[in-house]
């Protein structure tokens, strides 16, 4: 085992003992931080096309302040967050061109339900009103251009640049005609710059290790809302169990800055988190790969009061042809 793998493996086996918090937060939108991009799992060969369909489930049912769980309404606010359920379906298509170039497109379908209690002050009294949203909408489209700068049978190194386009709606409302908070909406309304780099190496015995860094930077604002910049670091290790079955595990580090603007909930946005994500990958044959991941928290700190989840799950299938 190489000098790189020994400390990484030791860290992965020790960290489950310190589970302290859920890994997702906000009053609305959440995407699982498990990295299933081709640069993390396996880059398609020149001339190949990869089609990937990924389903995520994130149940944000635990209010949190800082690093502590709190009960609904424990910390007084304009509205008390109760629960958000995210069911995200992400469709990705990638094609590898000559010269190490790869172009990818990802479009999410977001199925989200949200419940909070609105504390309305009227005639000296506080009225506690239930507000609910339940919608299924297209999210923001992502285009990504990747260049493999080092490629041989043992290792690959690539860099990428891309853009997130404002294709998702920003004015979804409920049956009462009330618009959801901006962080709950399926789209941000902003064009964001995507930057990334990743390394993947084959180790002894057919195992593999990978490192990925990525940033998402909003280049402007829309209707007085600017989402916070996002930075992610992923460490991955894959151990073959059989010729077709692989056991992957990832550490997913996320830092998200506070949202800005008059329509943002600046005090209740922004976070830092670490998630541990074990899974299984099955090579079904004919270029078809099935995968699943279960993510549990190691650490999380949120600003203000935000909803968090105790776990999340990812199921997916990719076809290379």
Foldseek 3Di string as FASTA:
>chain_A
DDPVVVVVVVCLVPLVVQFQFFFFKFLADDDDQDDPDCLAVNPDDAFKKKKKKKKKKFKQAFKDAFFGTDDFCPDPDQKTWGIKIKIKIKIKMKHHHPQQKMKMKIKIWIWMKTWMWGFDADPNDTDTHIDMDTDIWIAWMKIKMKGWPDDDPFKIKMKMKIKTHQPFDQFDDHPVRHGDQRVNGRYQRFMKIKIKMKMKGADPPRKIKMKMKMKIGTPDHDPFKAFWIKIKIKIKIWDDPDPFKIKMKMKIWMWTAAMGGPSGPRQFFTKTFIKIKIKMWGDPDQQKIWIKIKIATSGMTTGDMITGGRIMMMTMMMGMD
